[in-house]
N, C-alpha and C. Protein backbone atom coordinates (compact mmCIF):
# COMPACT_ATOMS: atom_id res chain seq x y z
N MET A 1 -24.16 -19.93 -22.25
CA MET A 1 -22.80 -20.57 -23.09
C MET A 1 -22.19 -19.75 -24.02
N ILE A 2 -20.91 -19.33 -24.03
CA ILE A 2 -20.36 -18.86 -24.86
C ILE A 2 -19.30 -19.70 -25.63
N ALA A 3 -19.22 -19.65 -27.04
CA ALA A 3 -18.49 -20.51 -27.98
C ALA A 3 -17.41 -19.93 -27.97
N LEU A 4 -16.13 -20.47 -27.84
CA LEU A 4 -14.74 -19.87 -28.09
C LEU A 4 -13.95 -20.68 -28.77
N GLU A 5 -13.10 -20.35 -29.44
CA GLU A 5 -12.13 -20.86 -30.41
C GLU A 5 -10.91 -21.89 -29.60
N GLU A 6 -10.67 -23.11 -29.92
CA GLU A 6 -9.82 -23.86 -29.41
C GLU A 6 -8.75 -23.07 -29.07
N ASN A 7 -8.10 -23.56 -27.65
CA ASN A 7 -6.98 -22.80 -27.05
C ASN A 7 -7.13 -21.43 -26.44
N SER A 8 -8.27 -21.20 -26.40
CA SER A 8 -8.86 -19.89 -25.75
C SER A 8 -8.78 -19.88 -24.08
N THR A 9 -8.26 -18.61 -23.96
CA THR A 9 -8.11 -18.46 -22.34
C THR A 9 -9.11 -17.64 -21.77
N ILE A 10 -8.94 -17.64 -20.31
CA ILE A 10 -9.76 -16.84 -19.68
C ILE A 10 -10.15 -15.58 -20.17
N GLN A 11 -8.87 -14.94 -20.29
CA GLN A 11 -9.01 -13.45 -20.86
C GLN A 11 -9.63 -13.45 -22.20
N ASP A 12 -9.45 -14.15 -22.97
CA ASP A 12 -10.39 -14.45 -24.42
C ASP A 12 -11.82 -14.26 -23.82
N LEU A 13 -12.31 -15.38 -23.14
CA LEU A 13 -13.73 -15.30 -22.72
C LEU A 13 -14.11 -13.72 -21.87
N LEU A 14 -13.25 -13.22 -21.26
CA LEU A 14 -13.54 -11.73 -20.50
C LEU A 14 -13.74 -10.64 -21.76
N ASP A 15 -12.87 -10.99 -22.67
CA ASP A 15 -12.90 -10.01 -23.91
C ASP A 15 -14.10 -10.11 -24.43
N GLU A 16 -14.33 -11.45 -25.00
CA GLU A 16 -15.62 -11.85 -25.71
C GLU A 16 -17.01 -11.36 -24.73
N ILE A 17 -17.04 -11.36 -23.52
CA ILE A 17 -18.22 -11.12 -22.61
C ILE A 17 -18.36 -9.66 -22.66
N PHE A 18 -17.04 -8.74 -22.41
CA PHE A 18 -17.33 -7.49 -22.60
C PHE A 18 -17.70 -6.84 -23.86
N ALA A 19 -17.17 -7.55 -24.96
CA ALA A 19 -17.44 -7.04 -26.25
C ALA A 19 -18.76 -7.21 -26.79
N LYS A 20 -19.20 -8.19 -26.35
CA LYS A 20 -20.95 -8.49 -26.31
C LYS A 20 -21.81 -7.64 -25.74
N HIS A 21 -21.52 -7.43 -24.34
CA HIS A 21 -22.22 -6.63 -23.41
C HIS A 21 -21.84 -5.33 -23.35
N GLY A 22 -20.82 -4.61 -23.66
CA GLY A 22 -20.22 -3.56 -23.53
C GLY A 22 -20.40 -3.05 -22.31
N GLU A 23 -20.33 -1.66 -22.24
CA GLU A 23 -20.34 -0.71 -21.03
C GLU A 23 -21.43 -1.16 -19.85
N LYS A 24 -22.47 -1.66 -20.47
CA LYS A 24 -23.48 -2.06 -19.36
C LYS A 24 -22.96 -3.15 -18.36
N ILE A 25 -21.95 -3.83 -18.57
CA ILE A 25 -21.46 -4.70 -17.76
C ILE A 25 -19.83 -4.43 -17.36
N SER A 26 -19.34 -3.99 -18.57
CA SER A 26 -17.62 -3.94 -18.06
C SER A 26 -17.37 -3.05 -17.03
N HIS A 27 -18.12 -1.68 -16.98
CA HIS A 27 -17.85 -0.89 -15.58
C HIS A 27 -17.84 -1.48 -14.57
N ILE A 28 -18.91 -2.48 -14.33
CA ILE A 28 -19.02 -3.24 -12.91
C ILE A 28 -18.02 -4.21 -12.66
N PHE A 29 -17.11 -4.71 -13.69
CA PHE A 29 -16.03 -5.53 -13.59
C PHE A 29 -14.61 -4.83 -13.52
N MET A 30 -14.50 -3.93 -14.64
CA MET A 30 -13.06 -3.31 -14.55
C MET A 30 -12.93 -1.82 -14.49
N ASP A 31 -11.71 -1.36 -14.38
CA ASP A 31 -11.60 0.15 -14.05
C ASP A 31 -11.25 0.51 -15.43
N GLU A 32 -10.75 2.00 -15.59
CA GLU A 32 -10.32 2.49 -16.73
C GLU A 32 -9.33 1.88 -17.83
N ASN A 33 -8.38 1.15 -16.81
CA ASN A 33 -7.46 0.61 -17.37
C ASN A 33 -7.84 -0.85 -17.88
N ARG A 34 -8.95 -1.34 -17.93
CA ARG A 34 -9.34 -2.41 -18.46
C ARG A 34 -8.74 -3.62 -17.53
N GLN A 35 -8.55 -3.68 -16.19
CA GLN A 35 -8.22 -4.25 -15.14
C GLN A 35 -9.64 -4.63 -14.42
N ILE A 36 -9.46 -6.05 -13.96
CA ILE A 36 -10.70 -6.57 -12.95
C ILE A 36 -10.24 -5.87 -11.82
N PHE A 37 -11.54 -5.36 -11.30
CA PHE A 37 -11.40 -4.71 -9.81
C PHE A 37 -10.85 -5.95 -8.72
N SER A 38 -10.07 -5.30 -7.86
CA SER A 38 -9.46 -6.28 -7.05
C SER A 38 -10.50 -7.05 -6.08
N HIS A 39 -11.40 -6.50 -5.86
CA HIS A 39 -12.65 -7.03 -4.92
C HIS A 39 -13.49 -8.07 -5.83
N ILE A 40 -13.14 -8.17 -7.31
CA ILE A 40 -13.97 -9.53 -7.82
C ILE A 40 -12.83 -10.38 -8.21
N LYS A 41 -13.04 -11.78 -7.57
CA LYS A 41 -12.36 -12.87 -7.85
C LYS A 41 -12.97 -13.39 -8.90
N VAL A 42 -12.14 -14.28 -9.84
CA VAL A 42 -12.42 -15.18 -11.15
C VAL A 42 -12.11 -16.42 -10.71
N LEU A 43 -13.02 -17.18 -10.52
CA LEU A 43 -12.49 -18.74 -10.39
C LEU A 43 -12.97 -19.74 -11.68
N LEU A 44 -11.79 -20.56 -11.68
CA LEU A 44 -11.73 -21.50 -12.69
C LEU A 44 -12.05 -22.93 -12.12
N ASN A 45 -13.28 -23.51 -12.12
CA ASN A 45 -13.38 -24.90 -11.73
C ASN A 45 -13.02 -24.86 -10.05
N ASP A 46 -13.79 -23.79 -9.62
CA ASP A 46 -13.57 -23.57 -8.18
C ASP A 46 -12.10 -23.39 -7.58
N THR A 47 -11.48 -22.89 -8.41
CA THR A 47 -10.12 -22.30 -7.85
C THR A 47 -9.68 -21.00 -8.38
N ILE A 48 -9.47 -20.17 -7.62
CA ILE A 48 -9.45 -18.63 -7.96
C ILE A 48 -8.15 -18.54 -8.92
N VAL A 49 -8.09 -17.64 -9.93
CA VAL A 49 -7.15 -17.46 -11.04
C VAL A 49 -6.87 -15.81 -10.55
N ASN A 50 -5.70 -15.58 -11.10
CA ASN A 50 -5.22 -14.15 -10.78
C ASN A 50 -4.95 -13.67 -12.20
N TYR A 51 -4.69 -12.38 -12.50
CA TYR A 51 -4.26 -11.66 -13.94
C TYR A 51 -2.76 -11.74 -13.63
N PRO A 52 -2.20 -11.87 -14.99
CA PRO A 52 -3.07 -12.20 -16.21
C PRO A 52 -3.68 -13.45 -16.25
N PHE A 53 -4.94 -13.37 -17.15
CA PHE A 53 -6.03 -14.43 -17.16
C PHE A 53 -5.55 -15.55 -18.33
N ASN A 54 -4.46 -16.41 -18.25
CA ASN A 54 -3.90 -16.90 -19.44
C ASN A 54 -4.23 -18.50 -19.40
N GLU A 55 -4.69 -18.85 -18.27
CA GLU A 55 -5.37 -20.26 -18.36
C GLU A 55 -6.07 -20.68 -19.48
N LYS A 56 -5.58 -21.75 -20.04
CA LYS A 56 -6.45 -22.39 -21.29
C LYS A 56 -7.74 -22.90 -20.71
N LEU A 57 -8.76 -22.59 -21.67
CA LEU A 57 -10.14 -23.33 -21.15
C LEU A 57 -10.26 -24.65 -22.02
N GLN A 58 -10.81 -25.45 -21.13
CA GLN A 58 -11.40 -26.78 -21.74
C GLN A 58 -12.89 -26.78 -21.87
N ASP A 59 -13.41 -27.68 -22.55
CA ASP A 59 -14.89 -27.88 -22.86
C ASP A 59 -15.45 -28.24 -21.42
N GLU A 60 -16.50 -27.87 -21.05
CA GLU A 60 -17.20 -28.34 -19.73
C GLU A 60 -16.29 -27.56 -18.57
N ASP A 61 -15.37 -26.29 -18.62
CA ASP A 61 -14.61 -25.67 -17.57
C ASP A 61 -15.83 -24.94 -17.04
N GLN A 62 -15.77 -24.50 -15.82
CA GLN A 62 -16.65 -23.54 -15.39
C GLN A 62 -15.96 -22.43 -14.51
N ILE A 63 -16.75 -21.01 -15.04
CA ILE A 63 -16.17 -19.64 -14.70
C ILE A 63 -16.88 -19.19 -13.87
N HIS A 64 -16.46 -18.71 -12.60
CA HIS A 64 -17.48 -18.15 -11.69
C HIS A 64 -16.76 -16.63 -11.50
N PHE A 65 -17.54 -15.46 -11.07
CA PHE A 65 -17.21 -14.36 -10.56
C PHE A 65 -17.45 -14.32 -9.24
N LEU A 66 -16.56 -13.96 -8.34
CA LEU A 66 -17.17 -13.45 -7.30
C LEU A 66 -17.11 -12.07 -6.56
N ILE A 67 -17.91 -11.41 -5.93
CA ILE A 67 -17.81 -9.94 -6.07
C ILE A 67 -17.74 -10.00 -4.29
N ALA A 68 -17.01 -9.53 -3.76
CA ALA A 68 -16.79 -9.13 -2.21
C ALA A 68 -17.56 -8.09 -1.93
N LEU A 69 -18.67 -8.33 -1.11
CA LEU A 69 -19.54 -7.32 -0.77
C LEU A 69 -19.11 -6.94 1.00
N VAL A 70 -19.06 -5.77 1.32
CA VAL A 70 -18.81 -5.48 2.99
C VAL A 70 -20.06 -4.39 3.37
N GLY A 71 -20.07 -4.43 4.43
CA GLY A 71 -21.32 -3.65 4.79
C GLY A 71 -21.45 -3.80 6.43
N GLY A 72 -22.69 -3.12 7.10
CA GLY A 72 -22.67 -3.16 8.46
C GLY A 72 -24.14 -2.86 8.74
């Protein structure tokens, strides 16, 4: 769990995660322009949200990251 200030957004959460974990995680999720890769979907309470991630978060909200994998 990550503690955020009241009225924080999904983007605030992402910034906090990437600041805390740095390059070891950010290069998996973001390109050089700090945009989430298109094959990664962000879900807020089981609903896909799109950039810009300005949805306000509430206590008990759940965020999930879905990474599309393809292969054969």
